[in-house]
Amino acid sequence: MAKLKIKTGDTVVVTAGEHKGSEGKVMRVFFEKNKAIVEGVNTVKKHEKPSAANPQGGITEKEAPIHISNLSLIDPKSGEATRVGYRMEDGKKVRFSKKSNQVL
């Protein structure tokens, strides 16, 4: 299993596909599938049967997962997409932005 450079809570931009250019916060990461759910991006309409939780039923909108390869982290300094690197600082492994060299 490969190490993913995107974590829950990161702000990302979609770099490819139908939602290219959209920005959002990562709500959940699925490590085994290499996918992530981004807030407000890739919303799909889902038909739901009436249930105890939703007695009316109907059509609801929810976010669908996007492949990690189509996401890029946003640099907190410049606000642009950046690649992620790792380095040791004070005996701890930290992520840093390749664009601004700032610790994430």
N, C-alpha and C. Protein backbone atom coordinates (compact mmCIF):
# COMPACT_ATOMS: atom_id res chain seq x y z
N MET A 1 0.84 -1.19 0.00
CA MET A 1 0.00 0.00 0.00
C MET A 1 0.89 1.25 0.00
N ALA A 2 0.63 2.16 -0.93
CA ALA A 2 1.43 3.37 -1.06
C ALA A 2 1.03 4.41 -0.01
N LYS A 3 1.97 5.26 0.35
CA LYS A 3 1.70 6.34 1.31
C LYS A 3 1.02 7.47 0.56
N LEU A 4 -0.12 7.93 1.10
CA LEU A 4 -0.85 9.03 0.48
C LEU A 4 -0.38 10.34 1.07
N LYS A 5 -0.26 11.35 0.22
CA LYS A 5 0.25 12.64 0.67
C LYS A 5 -0.88 13.60 1.03
N ILE A 6 -2.12 13.14 0.93
CA ILE A 6 -3.27 13.97 1.28
C ILE A 6 -3.94 13.38 2.51
N LYS A 7 -4.26 14.24 3.47
CA LYS A 7 -4.87 13.79 4.72
C LYS A 7 -6.21 14.47 4.93
N THR A 8 -7.01 13.92 5.85
CA THR A 8 -8.29 14.52 6.20
C THR A 8 -8.04 15.91 6.76
N GLY A 9 -8.83 16.89 6.30
CA GLY A 9 -8.68 18.26 6.78
C GLY A 9 -7.87 19.15 5.85
N ASP A 10 -7.15 18.56 4.89
CA ASP A 10 -6.37 19.35 3.94
C ASP A 10 -7.30 20.09 2.97
N THR A 11 -6.86 21.24 2.50
CA THR A 11 -7.58 21.95 1.44
C THR A 11 -6.92 21.57 0.13
N VAL A 12 -7.73 21.08 -0.81
CA VAL A 12 -7.20 20.58 -2.08
C VAL A 12 -7.91 21.22 -3.26
N VAL A 13 -7.29 21.11 -4.43
CA VAL A 13 -7.89 21.55 -5.69
C VAL A 13 -7.93 20.34 -6.62
N VAL A 14 -9.02 20.23 -7.40
CA VAL A 14 -9.15 19.14 -8.36
C VAL A 14 -8.37 19.52 -9.61
N THR A 15 -7.45 18.65 -10.04
CA THR A 15 -6.56 18.98 -11.17
C THR A 15 -7.01 18.37 -12.49
N ALA A 16 -7.95 17.42 -12.46
CA ALA A 16 -8.36 16.77 -13.70
C ALA A 16 -9.81 16.31 -13.59
N GLY A 17 -10.43 16.13 -14.73
CA GLY A 17 -11.78 15.59 -14.76
C GLY A 17 -12.86 16.66 -14.84
N GLU A 18 -14.09 16.23 -14.62
CA GLU A 18 -15.26 17.08 -14.76
C GLU A 18 -15.25 18.27 -13.79
N HIS A 19 -14.67 18.09 -12.62
CA HIS A 19 -14.70 19.12 -11.58
C HIS A 19 -13.36 19.85 -11.46
N LYS A 20 -12.59 19.88 -12.55
CA LYS A 20 -11.28 20.51 -12.56
C LYS A 20 -11.38 21.97 -12.12
N GLY A 21 -10.49 22.37 -11.20
CA GLY A 21 -10.47 23.75 -10.71
C GLY A 21 -11.25 23.96 -9.42
N SER A 22 -12.09 22.98 -9.04
CA SER A 22 -12.88 23.11 -7.82
C SER A 22 -11.98 22.91 -6.60
N GLU A 23 -12.26 23.70 -5.56
CA GLU A 23 -11.50 23.58 -4.32
C GLU A 23 -12.41 23.12 -3.20
N GLY A 24 -11.84 22.45 -2.22
CA GLY A 24 -12.63 22.01 -1.07
C GLY A 24 -11.76 21.37 -0.02
N LYS A 25 -12.39 21.04 1.09
CA LYS A 25 -11.70 20.43 2.22
C LYS A 25 -11.91 18.92 2.17
N VAL A 26 -10.86 18.15 2.43
CA VAL A 26 -10.96 16.70 2.42
C VAL A 26 -11.71 16.26 3.68
N MET A 27 -12.83 15.56 3.47
CA MET A 27 -13.65 15.10 4.59
C MET A 27 -13.26 13.70 5.03
N ARG A 28 -12.88 12.86 4.06
CA ARG A 28 -12.54 11.47 4.38
C ARG A 28 -11.60 10.93 3.31
N VAL A 29 -10.67 10.06 3.72
CA VAL A 29 -9.74 9.43 2.79
C VAL A 29 -9.91 7.92 2.88
N PHE A 30 -10.04 7.27 1.72
CA PHE A 30 -10.14 5.81 1.65
C PHE A 30 -8.78 5.29 1.16
N PHE A 31 -7.92 4.85 2.11
CA PHE A 31 -6.56 4.45 1.78
C PHE A 31 -6.52 3.24 0.86
N GLU A 32 -7.40 2.26 1.10
CA GLU A 32 -7.36 1.03 0.31
C GLU A 32 -7.79 1.25 -1.14
N LYS A 33 -8.60 2.29 -1.39
CA LYS A 33 -9.06 2.57 -2.75
C LYS A 33 -8.33 3.74 -3.40
N ASN A 34 -7.44 4.42 -2.64
CA ASN A 34 -6.75 5.63 -3.12
C ASN A 34 -7.72 6.71 -3.55
N LYS A 35 -8.78 6.90 -2.77
CA LYS A 35 -9.79 7.91 -3.09
C LYS A 35 -10.06 8.78 -1.88
N ALA A 36 -10.63 9.97 -2.13
CA ALA A 36 -10.97 10.89 -1.05
C ALA A 36 -12.30 11.57 -1.37
N ILE A 37 -13.03 11.93 -0.30
CA ILE A 37 -14.26 12.70 -0.46
C ILE A 37 -13.92 14.15 -0.14
N VAL A 38 -14.21 15.05 -1.09
CA VAL A 38 -13.93 16.47 -0.94
C VAL A 38 -15.25 17.22 -0.81
N GLU A 39 -15.32 18.10 0.18
CA GLU A 39 -16.54 18.85 0.50
C GLU A 39 -16.98 19.70 -0.69
N GLY A 40 -18.21 19.52 -1.14
CA GLY A 40 -18.80 20.33 -2.20
C GLY A 40 -18.34 19.99 -3.60
N VAL A 41 -17.55 18.93 -3.77
CA VAL A 41 -17.03 18.56 -5.09
C VAL A 41 -17.53 17.16 -5.45
N ASN A 42 -17.86 16.94 -6.72
CA ASN A 42 -18.31 15.64 -7.22
C ASN A 42 -19.59 15.18 -6.50
N THR A 43 -20.58 16.07 -6.43
CA THR A 43 -21.85 15.71 -5.79
C THR A 43 -22.69 14.88 -6.76
N VAL A 44 -23.32 13.86 -6.23
CA VAL A 44 -24.20 13.00 -7.02
C VAL A 44 -25.57 12.94 -6.37
N LYS A 45 -26.61 12.76 -7.19
CA LYS A 45 -27.96 12.63 -6.67
C LYS A 45 -28.21 11.15 -6.36
N LYS A 46 -28.71 10.87 -5.17
CA LYS A 46 -28.96 9.49 -4.75
C LYS A 46 -30.43 9.33 -4.42
N HIS A 47 -31.07 8.33 -4.99
CA HIS A 47 -32.47 8.05 -4.69
C HIS A 47 -32.53 7.20 -3.43
N GLU A 48 -33.29 7.66 -2.43
CA GLU A 48 -33.37 6.94 -1.17
C GLU A 48 -34.81 6.50 -0.89
N LYS A 49 -34.92 5.26 -0.46
CA LYS A 49 -36.22 4.73 -0.07
C LYS A 49 -36.60 5.32 1.28
N PRO A 50 -37.88 5.45 1.59
CA PRO A 50 -38.27 5.91 2.92
C PRO A 50 -37.76 4.95 4.00
N SER A 51 -37.23 5.52 5.09
CA SER A 51 -36.71 4.72 6.19
C SER A 51 -37.02 5.45 7.49
N ALA A 52 -36.60 4.88 8.60
CA ALA A 52 -36.84 5.49 9.91
C ALA A 52 -36.10 6.83 10.00
N ALA A 53 -34.88 6.87 9.48
CA ALA A 53 -34.08 8.09 9.52
C ALA A 53 -34.61 9.14 8.54
N ASN A 54 -35.13 8.68 7.40
CA ASN A 54 -35.63 9.59 6.37
C ASN A 54 -37.02 9.10 5.95
N PRO A 55 -38.08 9.42 6.73
CA PRO A 55 -39.41 8.87 6.45
C PRO A 55 -39.99 9.30 5.10
N GLN A 56 -39.56 10.45 4.58
CA GLN A 56 -40.08 10.94 3.31
C GLN A 56 -39.44 10.22 2.12
N GLY A 57 -38.16 9.86 2.26
CA GLY A 57 -37.44 9.29 1.12
C GLY A 57 -37.08 10.40 0.16
N GLY A 58 -36.96 10.09 -1.13
CA GLY A 58 -36.70 11.12 -2.14
C GLY A 58 -35.27 11.10 -2.65
N ILE A 59 -34.90 12.23 -3.28
CA ILE A 59 -33.58 12.35 -3.90
C ILE A 59 -32.71 13.25 -3.03
N THR A 60 -31.55 12.74 -2.64
CA THR A 60 -30.62 13.53 -1.84
C THR A 60 -29.31 13.69 -2.60
N GLU A 61 -28.57 14.75 -2.28
CA GLU A 61 -27.26 14.97 -2.91
C GLU A 61 -26.17 14.66 -1.91
N LYS A 62 -25.15 13.93 -2.35
CA LYS A 62 -24.01 13.65 -1.49
C LYS A 62 -22.75 13.63 -2.32
N GLU A 63 -21.60 13.80 -1.65
CA GLU A 63 -20.32 13.82 -2.35
C GLU A 63 -19.86 12.39 -2.62
N ALA A 64 -19.35 12.17 -3.82
CA ALA A 64 -18.80 10.87 -4.19
C ALA A 64 -17.27 10.98 -4.13
N PRO A 65 -16.58 9.85 -3.92
CA PRO A 65 -15.11 9.89 -3.83
C PRO A 65 -14.45 10.26 -5.16
N ILE A 66 -13.28 10.91 -5.07
CA ILE A 66 -12.47 11.27 -6.22
C ILE A 66 -11.11 10.60 -6.04
N HIS A 67 -10.50 10.16 -7.13
CA HIS A 67 -9.19 9.51 -7.04
C HIS A 67 -8.13 10.52 -6.59
N ILE A 68 -7.23 10.06 -5.73
CA ILE A 68 -6.19 10.92 -5.16
C ILE A 68 -5.31 11.56 -6.25
N SER A 69 -5.10 10.85 -7.36
CA SER A 69 -4.24 11.37 -8.43
C SER A 69 -4.83 12.62 -9.07
N ASN A 70 -6.13 12.86 -8.89
CA ASN A 70 -6.78 14.04 -9.47
C ASN A 70 -6.86 15.19 -8.48
N LEU A 71 -6.21 15.06 -7.32
CA LEU A 71 -6.24 16.10 -6.30
C LEU A 71 -4.83 16.62 -6.07
N SER A 72 -4.72 17.91 -5.76
CA SER A 72 -3.44 18.51 -5.43
C SER A 72 -3.63 19.42 -4.23
N LEU A 73 -2.71 19.36 -3.29
CA LEU A 73 -2.79 20.16 -2.07
C LEU A 73 -2.61 21.63 -2.40
N ILE A 74 -3.30 22.51 -1.65
CA ILE A 74 -3.16 23.95 -1.85
C ILE A 74 -2.14 24.48 -0.85
N ASP A 75 -1.17 25.24 -1.37
CA ASP A 75 -0.13 25.84 -0.55
C ASP A 75 -0.74 26.94 0.31
N PRO A 76 -0.57 26.89 1.64
CA PRO A 76 -1.18 27.90 2.50
C PRO A 76 -0.62 29.31 2.28
N LYS A 77 0.60 29.40 1.78
CA LYS A 77 1.23 30.71 1.58
C LYS A 77 0.74 31.40 0.30
N SER A 78 0.80 30.68 -0.83
CA SER A 78 0.46 31.29 -2.12
C SER A 78 -0.97 31.01 -2.56
N GLY A 79 -1.61 29.98 -2.00
CA GLY A 79 -2.97 29.64 -2.40
C GLY A 79 -3.04 28.87 -3.71
N GLU A 80 -1.89 28.38 -4.19
CA GLU A 80 -1.85 27.62 -5.44
C GLU A 80 -1.60 26.14 -5.15
N ALA A 81 -1.82 25.30 -6.15
CA ALA A 81 -1.57 23.87 -6.01
C ALA A 81 -0.07 23.63 -5.85
N THR A 82 0.27 22.66 -5.02
CA THR A 82 1.68 22.35 -4.77
C THR A 82 1.87 20.85 -4.61
N ARG A 83 3.10 20.39 -4.82
CA ARG A 83 3.44 19.02 -4.54
C ARG A 83 3.86 18.94 -3.08
N VAL A 84 3.85 17.73 -2.53
CA VAL A 84 4.17 17.53 -1.12
C VAL A 84 5.45 16.74 -0.99
N GLY A 85 6.31 17.17 -0.07
CA GLY A 85 7.54 16.45 0.22
C GLY A 85 7.60 16.15 1.71
N TYR A 86 8.56 15.32 2.08
CA TYR A 86 8.76 14.97 3.48
C TYR A 86 10.20 15.26 3.86
N ARG A 87 10.41 15.70 5.09
CA ARG A 87 11.75 15.90 5.62
C ARG A 87 11.74 15.73 7.13
N MET A 88 12.91 15.57 7.71
CA MET A 88 13.03 15.42 9.16
C MET A 88 13.31 16.78 9.78
N GLU A 89 12.55 17.14 10.82
CA GLU A 89 12.79 18.36 11.58
C GLU A 89 12.68 18.02 13.05
N ASP A 90 13.76 18.26 13.79
CA ASP A 90 13.81 17.96 15.23
C ASP A 90 13.43 16.51 15.52
N GLY A 91 13.89 15.60 14.68
CA GLY A 91 13.63 14.18 14.89
C GLY A 91 12.23 13.73 14.51
N LYS A 92 11.43 14.62 13.89
CA LYS A 92 10.07 14.27 13.46
C LYS A 92 9.97 14.40 11.95
N LYS A 93 9.20 13.52 11.34
CA LYS A 93 8.97 13.57 9.90
C LYS A 93 7.81 14.53 9.64
N VAL A 94 8.03 15.56 8.83
CA VAL A 94 6.99 16.56 8.55
C VAL A 94 6.75 16.67 7.05
N ARG A 95 5.53 17.05 6.69
CA ARG A 95 5.19 17.32 5.29
C ARG A 95 5.51 18.79 5.01
N PHE A 96 6.01 19.06 3.78
CA PHE A 96 6.25 20.44 3.41
C PHE A 96 5.84 20.69 1.97
N SER A 97 5.54 21.95 1.68
CA SER A 97 5.14 22.36 0.34
C SER A 97 6.39 22.53 -0.51
N LYS A 98 6.40 21.89 -1.69
CA LYS A 98 7.55 21.99 -2.58
C LYS A 98 7.63 23.40 -3.20
N LYS A 99 6.50 24.10 -3.25
CA LYS A 99 6.46 25.42 -3.88
C LYS A 99 7.06 26.49 -2.97
N SER A 100 6.62 26.51 -1.69
CA SER A 100 7.07 27.57 -0.79
C SER A 100 8.04 27.06 0.29
N ASN A 101 8.29 25.75 0.31
CA ASN A 101 9.18 25.12 1.29
C ASN A 101 8.67 25.29 2.72
N GLN A 102 7.37 25.52 2.89
CA GLN A 102 6.77 25.76 4.20
C GLN A 102 6.18 24.44 4.74
N VAL A 103 6.32 24.22 6.05
CA VAL A 103 5.78 23.02 6.68
C VAL A 103 4.26 23.08 6.66
N LEU A 104 3.63 21.96 6.30
CA LEU A 104 2.17 21.92 6.24
C LEU A 104 1.58 21.43 7.55
